[in-house]
C-alpha atoms as a PDB file:
ATOM      1  CA  MET A   1       1.615  -8.225 -18.009  1.00  0.00           C
ATOM      2  CA  SER A   2      -1.011  -5.640 -16.686  1.00  0.00           C
ATOM      3  CA  THR A   3      -0.024  -2.148 -15.165  1.00  0.00           C
ATOM      4  CA  ASP A   4      -1.724  -0.159 -12.283  1.00  0.00           C
ATOM      5  CA  HIS A   5      -2.309   2.357 -15.510  1.00  0.00           C
ATOM      6  CA  ASP A   6      -3.951  -0.233 -17.455  1.00  0.00           C
ATOM      7  CA  ARG A   7      -6.307  -1.798 -14.621  1.00  0.00           C
ATOM      8  CA  LEU A   8      -7.303   2.327 -13.547  1.00  0.00           C
ATOM      9  CA  ALA A   9      -7.889   2.655 -17.455  1.00  0.00           C
ATOM     10  CA  PRO A  10      -9.724   4.496 -19.312  1.00  0.00           C
ATOM     11  CA  VAL A  11      -9.231   7.264 -17.357  1.00  0.00           C
ATOM     12  CA  THR A  12      -7.187  10.778 -18.691  1.00  0.00           C
ATOM     13  CA  TRP A  13      -3.964  11.146 -16.251  1.00  0.00           C
ATOM     14  CA  PRO A  14      -2.938  13.595 -14.953  1.00  0.00           C
ATOM     15  CA  PRO A  15      -6.175  14.984 -14.556  1.00  0.00           C
ATOM     16  CA  ALA A  16      -6.703  18.874 -14.445  1.00  0.00           C
ATOM     17  CA  PRO A  17      -5.273  20.153 -11.192  1.00  0.00           C
ATOM     18  CA  ILE A  18      -7.980  19.500  -8.407  1.00  0.00           C
ATOM     19  CA  LYS A  19      -8.697  22.113  -6.181  1.00  0.00           C
ATOM     20  CA  THR A  20     -10.443  22.534  -2.807  1.00  0.00           C
ATOM     21  CA  GLU A  21     -10.679  25.237  -0.221  1.00  0.00           C
ATOM     22  CA  ARG A  22      -7.210  25.909   0.717  1.00  0.00           C
ATOM     23  CA  LEU A  23      -5.058  22.978  -1.514  1.00  0.00           C
ATOM     24  CA  VAL A  24      -4.477  22.144  -5.077  1.00  0.00           C
ATOM     25  CA  LEU A  25      -3.979  18.426  -5.945  1.00  0.00           C
ATOM     26  CA  ARG A  26      -1.556  17.961  -9.149  1.00  0.00           C
ATOM     27  CA  GLU A  27       0.525  16.072 -11.001  1.00  0.00           C
ATOM     28  CA  SER A  28       4.706  16.097  -9.699  1.00  0.00           C
ATOM     29  CA  ALA A  29       7.198  18.709 -10.659  1.00  0.00           C
ATOM     30  CA  PRO A  30      11.215  19.090 -10.678  1.00  0.00           C
ATOM     31  CA  GLU A  31      10.752  21.295  -7.738  1.00  0.00           C
ATOM     32  CA  ASP A  32       8.604  18.583  -5.923  1.00  0.00           C
ATOM     33  CA  ARG A  33      12.203  16.134  -6.017  1.00  0.00           C
ATOM     34  CA  ALA A  34      13.555  17.884  -2.505  1.00  0.00           C
ATOM     35  CA  THR A  35      10.117  17.727  -0.426  1.00  0.00           C
ATOM     36  CA  PHE A  36       9.205  13.761  -1.852  1.00  0.00           C
ATOM     37  CA  ILE A  37      13.237  13.226   0.123  1.00  0.00           C
ATOM     38  CA  ASP A  38      11.987  15.030   3.050  1.00  0.00           C
ATOM     39  CA  LEU A  39       8.994  13.104   3.516  1.00  0.00           C
ATOM     40  CA  PHE A  40      10.538   9.410   2.725  1.00  0.00           C
ATOM     41  CA  THR A  41      13.404  10.370   5.232  1.00  0.00           C
ATOM     42  CA  SER A  42      11.101  12.134   7.550  1.00  0.00           C
ATOM     43  CA  PRO A  43      11.420   9.867  10.963  1.00  0.00           C
ATOM     44  CA  GLU A  44       8.134  11.214  11.620  1.00  0.00           C
ATOM     45  CA  VAL A  45       6.556  10.311   8.568  1.00  0.00           C
ATOM     46  CA  GLY A  46       8.607   6.947   9.130  1.00  0.00           C
ATOM     47  CA  THR A  47       6.872   6.096  12.224  1.00  0.00           C
ATOM     48  CA  TYR A  48       4.120   3.614  10.712  1.00  0.00           C
ATOM     49  CA  ILE A  49       6.035   2.815   7.585  1.00  0.00           C
ATOM     50  CA  GLY A  50       8.599   0.887   8.135  1.00  0.00           C
ATOM     51  CA  GLY A  51      10.580   3.584   9.082  1.00  0.00           C
ATOM     52  CA  PRO A  52      12.596   6.555   7.506  1.00  0.00           C
ATOM     53  CA  HIS A  53      14.794   6.023   3.982  1.00  0.00           C
ATOM     54  CA  GLN A  54      18.670   6.937   4.440  1.00  0.00           C
ATOM     55  CA  ARG A  55      18.798  10.318   2.886  1.00  0.00           C
ATOM     56  CA  ASP A  56      21.670   9.856   1.281  1.00  0.00           C
ATOM     57  CA  GLU A  57      20.400   6.417  -0.904  1.00  0.00           C
ATOM     58  CA  MET A  58      16.936   8.757  -1.521  1.00  0.00           C
ATOM     59  CA  GLU A  59      19.104  11.679  -3.114  1.00  0.00           C
ATOM     60  CA  ARG A  60      20.873   9.109  -5.141  1.00  0.00           C
ATOM     61  CA  THR A  61      18.320   7.153  -6.064  1.00  0.00           C
ATOM     62  CA  ALA A  62      15.271   9.326  -6.335  1.00  0.00           C
ATOM     63  CA  PRO A  63      14.122  10.522  -9.951  1.00  0.00           C
ATOM     64  CA  GLU A  64      14.132  13.955 -11.407  1.00  0.00           C
ATOM     65  CA  VAL A  65      10.682  13.429 -11.044  1.00  0.00           C
ATOM     66  CA  PRO A  66       9.940  11.428  -8.325  1.00  0.00           C
ATOM     67  CA  GLY A  67       5.778  10.587  -8.087  1.00  0.00           C
ATOM     68  CA  ARG A  68       5.504  11.252 -11.653  1.00  0.00           C
ATOM     69  CA  ARG A  69       3.116   8.199 -11.820  1.00  0.00           C
ATOM     70  CA  PHE A  70      -0.540   7.080 -12.991  1.00  0.00           C
ATOM     71  CA  GLY A  71      -2.702   7.708  -9.435  1.00  0.00           C
ATOM     72  CA  CYS A  72       0.040   9.802  -7.498  1.00  0.00           C
ATOM     73  CA  PHE A  73      -1.233  13.301  -6.976  1.00  0.00           C
ATOM     74  CA  VAL A  74       1.320  16.283  -5.106  1.00  0.00           C
ATOM     75  CA  VAL A  75      -0.573  17.953  -2.191  1.00  0.00           C
ATOM     76  CA  ASP A  76       0.122  21.712  -2.588  1.00  0.00           C
ATOM     77  CA  LEU A  77      -0.500  24.517  -0.726  1.00  0.00           C
ATOM     78  CA  ASP A  78       0.459  28.222  -1.781  1.00  0.00           C
ATOM     79  CA  GLY A  79       2.560  26.726  -4.231  1.00  0.00           C
ATOM     80  CA  ALA A  80       4.924  24.106  -2.366  1.00  0.00           C
ATOM     81  CA  MET A  81       4.463  20.284  -1.488  1.00  0.00           C
ATOM     82  CA  ILE A  82       3.293  19.544   1.830  1.00  0.00           C
ATOM     83  CA  GLY A  83       2.665  15.639   1.029  1.00  0.00           C
ATOM     84  CA  MET A  84       1.229  13.120  -1.799  1.00  0.00           C
ATOM     85  CA  ILE A  85      -1.958  11.217  -2.047  1.00  0.00           C
ATOM     86  CA  SER A  86      -1.904   7.897  -4.358  1.00  0.00           C
ATOM     87  CA  PHE A  87      -3.875   5.455  -5.225  1.00  0.00           C
ATOM     88  CA  ASP A  88      -2.293   1.814  -5.618  1.00  0.00           C
ATOM     89  CA  ARG A  89      -3.805  -2.040  -7.060  1.00  0.00           C
ATOM     90  CA  ARG A  90      -3.338  -4.297  -4.217  1.00  0.00           C
ATOM     91  CA  THR A  91      -2.183  -7.959  -5.487  1.00  0.00           C
ATOM     92  CA  PRO A  92      -4.042 -11.285  -4.532  1.00  0.00           C
ATOM     93  CA  ALA A  93      -0.948 -12.281  -2.230  1.00  0.00           C
ATOM     94  CA  SER A  94      -1.564  -8.869  -0.265  1.00  0.00           C
ATOM     95  CA  SER A  95      -2.936  -9.266   3.191  1.00  0.00           C
ATOM     96  CA  GLY A  96      -6.775  -8.136   3.712  1.00  0.00           C
ATOM     97  CA  LEU A  97      -8.572  -7.997   0.611  1.00  0.00           C
ATOM     98  CA  PHE A  98     -12.153  -6.682  -0.186  1.00  0.00           C
ATOM     99  CA  LEU A  99     -12.679  -8.556  -2.777  1.00  0.00           C
ATOM    100  CA  PRO A 100     -11.339 -12.061  -3.788  1.00  0.00           C
ATOM    101  CA  GLU A 101      -9.202 -11.832  -6.564  1.00  0.00           C
ATOM    102  CA  GLY A 102      -7.333  -8.181  -5.129  1.00  0.00           C
ATOM    103  CA  GLY A 103      -7.144  -5.466  -7.345  1.00  0.00           C
ATOM    104  CA  GLU A 104      -8.672  -3.477  -5.228  1.00  0.00           C
ATOM    105  CA  ALA A 105      -7.595   0.421  -5.372  1.00  0.00           C
ATOM    106  CA  GLU A 106      -5.639   1.272  -2.363  1.00  0.00           C
ATOM    107  CA  LEU A 107      -6.016   4.661  -0.581  1.00  0.00           C
ATOM    108  CA  GLY A 108      -1.968   6.202   0.844  1.00  0.00           C
ATOM    109  CA  TYR A 109      -1.264   9.591   1.884  1.00  0.00           C
ATOM    110  CA  LEU A 110       1.863  10.631   3.277  1.00  0.00           C
ATOM    111  CA  PHE A 111       2.111  14.537   4.864  1.00  0.00           C
ATOM    112  CA  LEU A 112       4.987  16.779   6.336  1.00  0.00           C
ATOM    113  CA  PRO A 113       4.785  16.708  10.065  1.00  0.00           C
ATOM    114  CA  ARG A 114       4.592  20.399   9.795  1.00  0.00           C
ATOM    115  CA  SER A 115       1.418  20.186   8.032  1.00  0.00           C
ATOM    116  CA  TRP A 116       0.097  17.862  10.512  1.00  0.00           C
ATOM    117  CA  GLY A 117      -2.978  19.009  12.538  1.00  0.00           C
ATOM    118  CA  HIS A 118      -4.551  21.560  10.268  1.00  0.00           C
ATOM    119  CA  GLY A 119      -7.019  19.138   8.055  1.00  0.00           C
ATOM    120  CA  TYR A 120      -5.313  19.290   5.208  1.00  0.00           C
ATOM    121  CA  ALA A 121      -4.936  14.988   5.395  1.00  0.00           C
ATOM    122  CA  ALA A 122      -8.764  15.290   5.309  1.00  0.00           C
ATOM    123  CA  GLU A 123      -9.092  17.964   2.577  1.00  0.00           C
ATOM    124  CA  ALA A 124      -6.854  16.571   0.094  1.00  0.00           C
ATOM    125  CA  CYS A 125      -7.684  12.824   0.570  1.00  0.00           C
ATOM    126  CA  ALA A 126     -11.615  13.627   0.088  1.00  0.00           C
ATOM    127  CA  ALA A 127     -10.829  15.183  -3.147  1.00  0.00           C
ATOM    128  CA  ALA A 128      -8.906  12.403  -4.386  1.00  0.00           C
ATOM    129  CA  LEU A 129     -11.668   9.942  -3.461  1.00  0.00           C
ATOM    130  CA  ASP A 130     -14.124  12.076  -4.809  1.00  0.00           C
ATOM    131  CA  TRP A 131     -12.178  12.356  -8.195  1.00  0.00           C
ATOM    132  CA  PHE A 132     -11.645   8.954  -7.944  1.00  0.00           C
ATOM    133  CA  HIS A 133     -15.319   7.461  -7.951  1.00  0.00           C
ATOM    134  CA  GLY A 134     -15.994  10.076 -10.217  1.00  0.00           C
ATOM    135  CA  SER A 135     -13.315   8.814 -12.461  1.00  0.00           C
ATOM    136  CA  HIS A 136     -14.137   4.536 -11.582  1.00  0.00           C
ATOM    137  CA  PRO A 137     -18.129   4.772 -10.496  1.00  0.00           C
ATOM    138  CA  GLY A 138     -19.170   1.905  -7.974  1.00  0.00           C
ATOM    139  CA  GLU A 139     -15.485   1.167  -7.647  1.00  0.00           C
ATOM    140  CA  PRO A 140     -14.395   0.356  -3.688  1.00  0.00           C
ATOM    141  CA  VAL A 141     -11.558   1.817  -2.204  1.00  0.00           C
ATOM    142  CA  VAL A 142      -9.371   0.543   0.507  1.00  0.00           C
ATOM    143  CA  LEU A 143      -6.875   1.664   3.034  1.00  0.00           C
ATOM    144  CA  THR A 144      -4.627  -0.115   5.766  1.00  0.00           C
ATOM    145  CA  THR A 145      -3.090   1.767   8.617  1.00  0.00           C
ATOM    146  CA  GLN A 146      -0.970   0.304  11.843  1.00  0.00           C
ATOM    147  CA  THR A 147      -4.456   0.463  14.558  1.00  0.00           C
ATOM    148  CA  ALA A 148      -1.189   2.452  16.827  1.00  0.00           C
ATOM    149  CA  ASN A 149      -1.797   4.936  14.187  1.00  0.00           C
ATOM    150  CA  GLN A 150      -4.224   6.660  15.472  1.00  0.00           C
ATOM    151  CA  ALA A 151      -4.518   9.636  13.866  1.00  0.00           C
ATOM    152  CA  SER A 152      -4.962   7.989  10.310  1.00  0.00           C
ATOM    153  CA  MET A 153      -7.556   5.460  11.963  1.00  0.00           C
ATOM    154  CA  HIS A 154      -9.100   8.509  13.020  1.00  0.00           C
ATOM    155  CA  LEU A 155      -8.696   9.951   9.177  1.00  0.00           C
ATOM    156  CA  ALA A 156     -10.102   6.814   7.892  1.00  0.00           C
ATOM    157  CA  ALA A 157     -13.561   7.192   9.594  1.00  0.00           C
ATOM    158  CA  LYS A 158     -14.057  10.641   9.075  1.00  0.00           C
ATOM    159  CA  LEU A 159     -13.594   9.443   5.049  1.00  0.00           C
ATOM    160  CA  GLY A 160     -15.832   7.025   5.518  1.00  0.00           C
ATOM    161  CA  PHE A 161     -14.157   4.150   5.532  1.00  0.00           C
ATOM    162  CA  THR A 162     -15.277   0.812   7.396  1.00  0.00           C
ATOM    163  CA  GLU A 163     -13.599  -1.524   9.387  1.00  0.00           C
ATOM    164  CA  VAL A 164     -13.385  -4.967   7.431  1.00  0.00           C
ATOM    165  CA  ASP A 165     -10.371  -6.865   8.818  1.00  0.00           C
ATOM    166  CA  ARG A 166      -7.419  -7.013  11.337  1.00  0.00           C
ATOM    167  CA  PHE A 167      -4.094  -8.843  10.541  1.00  0.00           C
ATOM    168  CA  GLU A 168      -0.645  -8.433  11.823  1.00  0.00           C
ATOM    169  CA  GLU A 169       1.882  -7.325   9.267  1.00  0.00           C
ATOM    170  CA  PHE A 170       5.029  -6.110   9.585  1.00  0.00           C
ATOM    171  CA  GLY A 171       5.667  -6.769  13.105  1.00  0.00           C
ATOM    172  CA  ALA A 172       2.165  -4.575  14.012  1.00  0.00           C
ATOM    173  CA  GLU A 173      -1.636  -4.847  14.043  1.00  0.00           C
ATOM    174  CA  GLN A 174      -2.962  -3.444  10.852  1.00  0.00           C
ATOM    175  CA  TRP A 175      -6.662  -2.211  10.362  1.00  0.00           C
ATOM    176  CA  PHE A 176      -8.107  -2.518   6.561  1.00  0.00           C
ATOM    177  CA  GLY A 177     -10.800  -1.027   5.832  1.00  0.00           C
ATOM    178  CA  VAL A 178     -13.300  -0.246   2.424  1.00  0.00           C
ATOM    179  CA  ARG A 179     -15.041   3.016   1.810  1.00  0.00           C
ATOM    180  CA  ALA A 180     -18.147   1.980  -1.247  1.00  0.00           C
ATOM    181  CA  GLY A 181     -17.576   3.672  -4.360  1.00  0.00           C
END
């Protein structure tokens, strides 16, 4: 069975930290665990991704170093985690495919509500996309978001994603876009 790492290889992981004007994209560390739990239990963050997880469940099941996997970056501002960015492979069974066989890299991101409205998501996602396209020249990246999530729709356009499809999933209309490599 092939893994995300196999399909994204031969890229060295983790890469050296990626520095932007204000942020650092880096590998997860043990001190990020509380912030990962905050992200996944936040009602605001969960609004467009199926709702928040239960805090007691997350406290019990989250690994000591959550997010330590291929394609997952912690977004760090002044030494503290404010969000995360990930690249995951879509399966052929996924709704909305760009490639007939699937396997596209999909950009995902979550940020703490206190960091919203400062341009951090755009800055961090742009840097992560630059890394991805440098590591996987010519490969497209896809993004899915609910059409009701206007901030995410705006970010997708700002990052250069163009609409490929819309479909109903998880009880809501989803926007599916692609960014050429």
